[in-house]
Amino acid sequence: MVKHKTQSKRLTRKLTALRQEAWRLMHAPLAEQHCWYASVLLGHYDYYGRTTTRRSAASASKSAASGSAV
């Protein structure tokens, strides 16, 4: 198995940008915030996620929504 590690400068730059955008959206309607966070996470999973990781994340999300344990 090959492990991937993001460069620390790139990670810091991206997290800073996300933090600034989240701060800007702080007083936006909750639906708008949800839409933005969902798109950010889906983009992250599409870029970095493996197909098995995406399936297990979706499964965990469905079970959390239904209230059952994973």
PDB file of N, CA and C in Angstrom:
ATOM      1  N   MET A   1       0.850  -1.173   0.000  1.00  0.00           N
ATOM      2  CA  MET A   1       0.000   0.000   0.000  1.00  0.00           C
ATOM      3  C   MET A   1       0.894   1.234   0.000  1.00  0.00           C
ATOM      4  N   VAL A   2       0.582   2.156  -0.884  1.00  0.00           N
ATOM      5  CA  VAL A   2       1.334   3.398  -0.970  1.00  0.00           C
ATOM      6  C   VAL A   2       0.586   4.456  -0.178  1.00  0.00           C
ATOM      7  N   LYS A   3       1.278   5.115   0.723  1.00  0.00           N
ATOM      8  CA  LYS A   3       0.658   6.168   1.511  1.00  0.00           C
ATOM      9  C   LYS A   3       1.000   7.519   0.892  1.00  0.00           C
ATOM     10  N   HIS A   4       0.034   8.412   0.891  1.00  0.00           N
ATOM     11  CA  HIS A   4       0.228   9.738   0.332  1.00  0.00           C
ATOM     12  C   HIS A   4       0.288  10.748   1.463  1.00  0.00           C
ATOM     13  N   LYS A   5       1.150  11.741   1.321  1.00  0.00           N
ATOM     14  CA  LYS A   5       1.256  12.787   2.327  1.00  0.00           C
ATOM     15  C   LYS A   5       1.263  14.131   1.616  1.00  0.00           C
ATOM     16  N   THR A   6       0.348  14.999   2.017  1.00  0.00           N
ATOM     17  CA  THR A   6       0.261  16.327   1.422  1.00  0.00           C
ATOM     18  C   THR A   6       1.410  17.190   1.938  1.00  0.00           C
ATOM     19  N   GLN A   7       1.964  18.024   1.071  1.00  0.00           N
ATOM     20  CA  GLN A   7       3.024  18.931   1.490  1.00  0.00           C
ATOM     21  C   GLN A   7       2.479  19.863   2.563  1.00  0.00           C
ATOM     22  N   SER A   8       3.276  20.120   3.586  1.00  0.00           N
ATOM     23  CA  SER A   8       2.797  20.926   4.715  1.00  0.00           C
ATOM     24  C   SER A   8       2.447  22.353   4.305  1.00  0.00           C
ATOM     25  N   LYS A   9       3.218  22.953   3.396  1.00  0.00           N
ATOM     26  CA  LYS A   9       2.915  24.325   2.953  1.00  0.00           C
ATOM     27  C   LYS A   9       1.587  24.373   2.208  1.00  0.00           C
ATOM     28  N   ARG A  10       1.352  23.377   1.366  1.00  0.00           N
ATOM     29  CA  ARG A  10       0.102  23.318   0.601  1.00  0.00           C
ATOM     30  C   ARG A  10      -1.083  23.112   1.535  1.00  0.00           C
ATOM     31  N   LEU A  11      -0.933  22.227   2.508  1.00  0.00           N
ATOM     32  CA  LEU A  11      -1.997  21.971   3.470  1.00  0.00           C
ATOM     33  C   LEU A  11      -2.299  23.219   4.294  1.00  0.00           C
ATOM     34  N   THR A  12      -1.272  23.900   4.767  1.00  0.00           N
ATOM     35  CA  THR A  12      -1.452  25.118   5.561  1.00  0.00           C
ATOM     36  C   THR A  12      -2.156  26.196   4.749  1.00  0.00           C
ATOM     37  N   ARG A  13      -1.746  26.363   3.503  1.00  0.00           N
ATOM     38  CA  ARG A  13      -2.351  27.365   2.629  1.00  0.00           C
ATOM     39  C   ARG A  13      -3.835  27.058   2.399  1.00  0.00           C
ATOM     40  N   LYS A  14      -4.174  25.800   2.155  1.00  0.00           N
ATOM     41  CA  LYS A  14      -5.557  25.422   1.895  1.00  0.00           C
ATOM     42  C   LYS A  14      -6.413  25.563   3.153  1.00  0.00           C
ATOM     43  N   LEU A  15      -5.899  25.144   4.297  1.00  0.00           N
ATOM     44  CA  LEU A  15      -6.665  25.267   5.535  1.00  0.00           C
ATOM     45  C   LEU A  15      -6.900  26.724   5.910  1.00  0.00           C
ATOM     46  N   THR A  16      -5.921  27.585   5.652  1.00  0.00           N
ATOM     47  CA  THR A  16      -6.087  29.016   5.913  1.00  0.00           C
ATOM     48  C   THR A  16      -7.182  29.595   5.025  1.00  0.00           C
ATOM     49  N   ALA A  17      -7.183  29.224   3.753  1.00  0.00           N
ATOM     50  CA  ALA A  17      -8.214  29.713   2.834  1.00  0.00           C
ATOM     51  C   ALA A  17      -9.602  29.220   3.248  1.00  0.00           C
ATOM     52  N   LEU A  18      -9.700  27.959   3.651  1.00  0.00           N
ATOM     53  CA  LEU A  18     -10.986  27.418   4.101  1.00  0.00           C
ATOM     54  C   LEU A  18     -11.471  28.119   5.365  1.00  0.00           C
ATOM     55  N   ARG A  19     -10.559  28.383   6.277  1.00  0.00           N
ATOM     56  CA  ARG A  19     -10.918  29.064   7.521  1.00  0.00           C
ATOM     57  C   ARG A  19     -11.430  30.480   7.232  1.00  0.00           C
ATOM     58  N   GLN A  20     -10.775  31.189   6.320  1.00  0.00           N
ATOM     59  CA  GLN A  20     -11.217  32.541   5.962  1.00  0.00           C
ATOM     60  C   GLN A  20     -12.592  32.523   5.310  1.00  0.00           C
ATOM     61  N   GLU A  21     -12.832  31.566   4.433  1.00  0.00           N
ATOM     62  CA  GLU A  21     -14.136  31.473   3.777  1.00  0.00           C
ATOM     63  C   GLU A  21     -15.221  31.087   4.784  1.00  0.00           C
ATOM     64  N   ALA A  22     -14.922  30.184   5.705  1.00  0.00           N
ATOM     65  CA  ALA A  22     -15.893  29.807   6.738  1.00  0.00           C
ATOM     66  C   ALA A  22     -16.212  31.008   7.623  1.00  0.00           C
ATOM     67  N   TRP A  23     -15.220  31.821   7.914  1.00  0.00           N
ATOM     68  CA  TRP A  23     -15.430  33.024   8.727  1.00  0.00           C
ATOM     69  C   TRP A  23     -16.338  34.007   7.981  1.00  0.00           C
ATOM     70  N   ARG A  24     -16.132  34.126   6.663  1.00  0.00           N
ATOM     71  CA  ARG A  24     -16.952  35.012   5.852  1.00  0.00           C
ATOM     72  C   ARG A  24     -18.410  34.538   5.822  1.00  0.00           C
ATOM     73  N   LEU A  25     -18.616  33.236   5.825  1.00  0.00           N
ATOM     74  CA  LEU A  25     -19.963  32.670   5.755  1.00  0.00           C
ATOM     75  C   LEU A  25     -20.634  32.519   7.125  1.00  0.00           C
ATOM     76  N   MET A  26     -19.970  32.967   8.179  1.00  0.00           N
ATOM     77  CA  MET A  26     -20.461  32.721   9.534  1.00  0.00           C
ATOM     78  C   MET A  26     -21.898  33.198   9.741  1.00  0.00           C
ATOM     79  N   HIS A  27     -22.261  34.336   9.181  1.00  0.00           N
ATOM     80  CA  HIS A  27     -23.599  34.886   9.400  1.00  0.00           C
ATOM     81  C   HIS A  27     -24.529  34.649   8.214  1.00  0.00           C
ATOM     82  N   ALA A  28     -24.101  33.823   7.286  1.00  0.00           N
ATOM     83  CA  ALA A  28     -24.954  33.472   6.147  1.00  0.00           C
ATOM     84  C   ALA A  28     -26.022  32.483   6.621  1.00  0.00           C
ATOM     85  N   PRO A  29     -27.097  32.344   5.867  1.00  0.00           N
ATOM     86  CA  PRO A  29     -28.117  31.363   6.234  1.00  0.00           C
ATOM     87  C   PRO A  29     -27.518  29.952   6.324  1.00  0.00           C
ATOM     88  N   LEU A  30     -28.077  29.157   7.198  1.00  0.00           N
ATOM     89  CA  LEU A  30     -27.550  27.814   7.443  1.00  0.00           C
ATOM     90  C   LEU A  30     -27.557  26.966   6.177  1.00  0.00           C
ATOM     91  N   ALA A  31     -28.574  27.105   5.353  1.00  0.00           N
ATOM     92  CA  ALA A  31     -28.641  26.328   4.108  1.00  0.00           C
ATOM     93  C   ALA A  31     -27.465  26.666   3.189  1.00  0.00           C
ATOM     94  N   GLU A  32     -27.092  27.931   3.117  1.00  0.00           N
ATOM     95  CA  GLU A  32     -25.957  28.346   2.290  1.00  0.00           C
ATOM     96  C   GLU A  32     -24.647  27.787   2.850  1.00  0.00           C
ATOM     97  N   GLN A  33     -24.500  27.828   4.178  1.00  0.00           N
ATOM     98  CA  GLN A  33     -23.303  27.259   4.809  1.00  0.00           C
ATOM     99  C   GLN A  33     -23.212  25.765   4.528  1.00  0.00           C
ATOM    100  N   HIS A  34     -24.339  25.064   4.669  1.00  0.00           N
ATOM    101  CA  HIS A  34     -24.358  23.619   4.439  1.00  0.00           C
ATOM    102  C   HIS A  34     -23.954  23.301   3.004  1.00  0.00           C
ATOM    103  N   CYS A  35     -24.498  24.050   2.059  1.00  0.00           N
ATOM    104  CA  CYS A  35     -24.176  23.831   0.651  1.00  0.00           C
ATOM    105  C   CYS A  35     -22.679  24.013   0.402  1.00  0.00           C
ATOM    106  N   TRP A  36     -22.097  25.052   0.990  1.00  0.00           N
ATOM    107  CA  TRP A  36     -20.675  25.318   0.798  1.00  0.00           C
ATOM    108  C   TRP A  36     -19.813  24.211   1.420  1.00  0.00           C
ATOM    109  N   TYR A  37     -20.108  23.849   2.686  1.00  0.00           N
ATOM    110  CA  TYR A  37     -19.325  22.795   3.351  1.00  0.00           C
ATOM    111  C   TYR A  37     -19.461  21.465   2.614  1.00  0.00           C
ATOM    112  N   ALA A  38     -20.660  21.149   2.157  1.00  0.00           N
ATOM    113  CA  ALA A  38     -20.872  19.899   1.425  1.00  0.00           C
ATOM    114  C   ALA A  38     -20.046  19.871   0.142  1.00  0.00           C
ATOM    115  N   SER A  39     -20.012  20.986  -0.588  1.00  0.00           N
ATOM    116  CA  SER A  39     -19.240  21.016  -1.829  1.00  0.00           C
ATOM    117  C   SER A  39     -17.739  20.910  -1.552  1.00  0.00           C
ATOM    118  N   VAL A  40     -17.279  21.533  -0.474  1.00  0.00           N
ATOM    119  CA  VAL A  40     -15.862  21.447  -0.120  1.00  0.00           C
ATOM    120  C   VAL A  40     -15.491  20.000   0.229  1.00  0.00           C
ATOM    121  N   LEU A  41     -16.314  19.350   1.037  1.00  0.00           N
ATOM    122  CA  LEU A  41     -16.024  17.975   1.432  1.00  0.00           C
ATOM    123  C   LEU A  41     -16.126  17.009   0.261  1.00  0.00           C
ATOM    124  N   LEU A  42     -17.127  17.171  -0.590  1.00  0.00           N
ATOM    125  CA  LEU A  42     -17.238  16.299  -1.758  1.00  0.00           C
ATOM    126  C   LEU A  42     -16.039  16.473  -2.686  1.00  0.00           C
ATOM    127  N   GLY A  43     -15.595  17.705  -2.860  1.00  0.00           N
ATOM    128  CA  GLY A  43     -14.400  17.933  -3.667  1.00  0.00           C
ATOM    129  C   GLY A  43     -13.173  17.271  -3.071  1.00  0.00           C
ATOM    130  N   HIS A  44     -13.056  17.333  -1.754  1.00  0.00           N
ATOM    131  CA  HIS A  44     -11.940  16.687  -1.068  1.00  0.00           C
ATOM    132  C   HIS A  44     -11.996  15.176  -1.258  1.00  0.00           C
ATOM    133  N   TYR A  45     -13.178  14.592  -1.049  1.00  0.00           N
ATOM    134  CA  TYR A  45     -13.312  13.139  -1.191  1.00  0.00           C
ATOM    135  C   TYR A  45     -13.100  12.701  -2.630  1.00  0.00           C
ATOM    136  N   ASP A  46     -13.554  13.510  -3.594  1.00  0.00           N
ATOM    137  CA  ASP A  46     -13.344  13.159  -4.998  1.00  0.00           C
ATOM    138  C   ASP A  46     -11.867  13.183  -5.360  1.00  0.00           C
ATOM    139  N   TYR A  47     -11.128  14.122  -4.800  1.00  0.00           N
ATOM    140  CA  TYR A  47      -9.713  14.263  -5.154  1.00  0.00           C
ATOM    141  C   TYR A  47      -8.836  13.263  -4.410  1.00  0.00           C
ATOM    142  N   TYR A  48      -9.038  13.155  -3.096  1.00  0.00           N
ATOM    143  CA  TYR A  48      -8.155  12.330  -2.278  1.00  0.00           C
ATOM    144  C   TYR A  48      -8.711  10.958  -1.949  1.00  0.00           C
ATOM    145  N   GLY A  49     -10.033  10.825  -1.978  1.00  0.00           N
ATOM    146  CA  GLY A  49     -10.658   9.595  -1.504  1.00  0.00           C
ATOM    147  C   GLY A  49     -10.498   8.427  -2.454  1.00  0.00           C
ATOM    148  N   ARG A  50     -10.440   7.279  -1.906  1.00  0.00           N
ATOM    149  CA  ARG A  50     -10.473   6.045  -2.682  1.00  0.00           C
ATOM    150  C   ARG A  50     -11.938   5.642  -2.799  1.00  0.00           C
ATOM    151  N   THR A  51     -12.254   4.815  -3.760  1.00  0.00           N
ATOM    152  CA  THR A  51     -13.652   4.423  -3.940  1.00  0.00           C
ATOM    153  C   THR A  51     -14.181   3.709  -2.702  1.00  0.00           C
ATOM    154  N   THR A  52     -13.351   2.899  -2.065  1.00  0.00           N
ATOM    155  CA  THR A  52     -13.809   2.193  -0.865  1.00  0.00           C
ATOM    156  C   THR A  52     -14.009   3.168   0.286  1.00  0.00           C
ATOM    157  N   THR A  53     -13.197   4.206   0.355  1.00  0.00           N
ATOM    158  CA  THR A  53     -13.345   5.209   1.408  1.00  0.00           C
ATOM    159  C   THR A  53     -14.642   5.969   1.206  1.00  0.00           C
ATOM    160  N   ARG A  54     -14.954   6.320  -0.011  1.00  0.00           N
ATOM    161  CA  ARG A  54     -16.175   7.067  -0.301  1.00  0.00           C
ATOM    162  C   ARG A  54     -17.402   6.233   0.047  1.00  0.00           C
ATOM    163  N   ARG A  55     -17.361   4.932  -0.300  1.00  0.00           N
ATOM    164  CA  ARG A  55     -18.493   4.060   0.020  1.00  0.00           C
ATOM    165  C   ARG A  55     -18.679   3.929   1.516  1.00  0.00           C
ATOM    166  N   SER A  56     -17.593   3.754   2.257  1.00  0.00           N
ATOM    167  CA  SER A  56     -17.722   3.593   3.703  1.00  0.00           C
ATOM    168  C   SER A  56     -18.160   4.896   4.362  1.00  0.00           C
ATOM    169  N   ALA A  57     -17.739   6.046   3.821  1.00  0.00           N
ATOM    170  CA  ALA A  57     -18.171   7.332   4.359  1.00  0.00           C
ATOM    171  C   ALA A  57     -19.663   7.523   4.122  1.00  0.00           C
ATOM    172  N   ALA A  58     -20.147   7.142   2.949  1.00  0.00           N
ATOM    173  CA  ALA A  58     -21.578   7.242   2.644  1.00  0.00           C
ATOM    174  C   ALA A  58     -22.381   6.314   3.545  1.00  0.00           C
ATOM    175  N   SER A  59     -21.857   5.116   3.776  1.00  0.00           N
ATOM    176  CA  SER A  59     -22.527   4.162   4.653  1.00  0.00           C
ATOM    177  C   SER A  59     -22.609   4.697   6.077  1.00  0.00           C
ATOM    178  N   ALA A  60     -21.527   5.279   6.557  1.00  0.00           N
ATOM    179  CA  ALA A  60     -21.508   5.845   7.910  1.00  0.00           C
ATOM    180  C   ALA A  60     -22.468   7.019   8.011  1.00  0.00           C
ATOM    181  N   SER A  61     -22.549   7.810   6.955  1.00  0.00           N
ATOM    182  CA  SER A  61     -23.464   8.941   6.939  1.00  0.00           C
ATOM    183  C   SER A  61     -24.915   8.486   6.997  1.00  0.00           C
ATOM    184  N   LYS A  62     -25.249   7.463   6.233  1.00  0.00           N
ATOM    185  CA  LYS A  62     -26.619   6.939   6.224  1.00  0.00           C
ATOM    186  C   LYS A  62     -26.978   6.355   7.583  1.00  0.00           C
ATOM    187  N   SER A  63     -26.047   5.607   8.183  1.00  0.00           N
ATOM    188  CA  SER A  63     -26.361   5.012   9.481  1.00  0.00           C
ATOM    189  C   SER A  63     -26.463   6.076  10.574  1.00  0.00           C
ATOM    190  N   ALA A  64     -25.674   7.150  10.450  1.00  0.00           N
ATOM    191  CA  ALA A  64     -25.761   8.243  11.426  1.00  0.00           C
ATOM    192  C   ALA A  64     -27.093   8.963  11.290  1.00  0.00           C
ATOM    193  N   ALA A  65     -27.551   9.126  10.052  1.00  0.00           N
ATOM    194  CA  ALA A  65     -28.826   9.799   9.826  1.00  0.00           C
ATOM    195  C   ALA A  65     -29.995   8.982  10.367  1.00  0.00           C
ATOM    196  N   SER A  66     -29.869   7.647  10.274  1.00  0.00           N
ATOM    197  CA  SER A  66     -30.955   6.797  10.764  1.00  0.00           C
ATOM    198  C   SER A  66     -30.860   6.559  12.262  1.00  0.00           C
ATOM    199  N   GLY A  67     -29.727   6.910  12.867  1.00  0.00           N
ATOM    200  CA  GLY A  67     -29.568   6.783  14.306  1.00  0.00           C
ATOM    201  C   GLY A  67     -29.010   5.448  14.759  1.00  0.00           C
ATOM    202  N   SER A  68     -28.579   4.614  13.811  1.00  0.00           N
ATOM    203  CA  SER A  68     -28.017   3.310  14.186  1.00  0.00           C
ATOM    204  C   SER A  68     -26.500   3.416  14.324  1.00  0.00           C
ATOM    205  N   ALA A  69     -25.923   2.489  15.039  1.00  0.00           N
ATOM    206  CA  ALA A  69     -24.468   2.471  15.225  1.00  0.00           C
ATOM    207  C   ALA A  69     -23.794   1.882  14.016  1.00  0.00           C
ATOM    208  N   VAL A  70     -22.558   2.325  13.769  1.00  0.00           N
ATOM    209  CA  VAL A  70     -21.773   1.823  12.632  1.00  0.00           C
ATOM    210  C   VAL A  70     -21.084   0.561  13.015  1.00  0.00           C
TER     211      VAL A  70
END
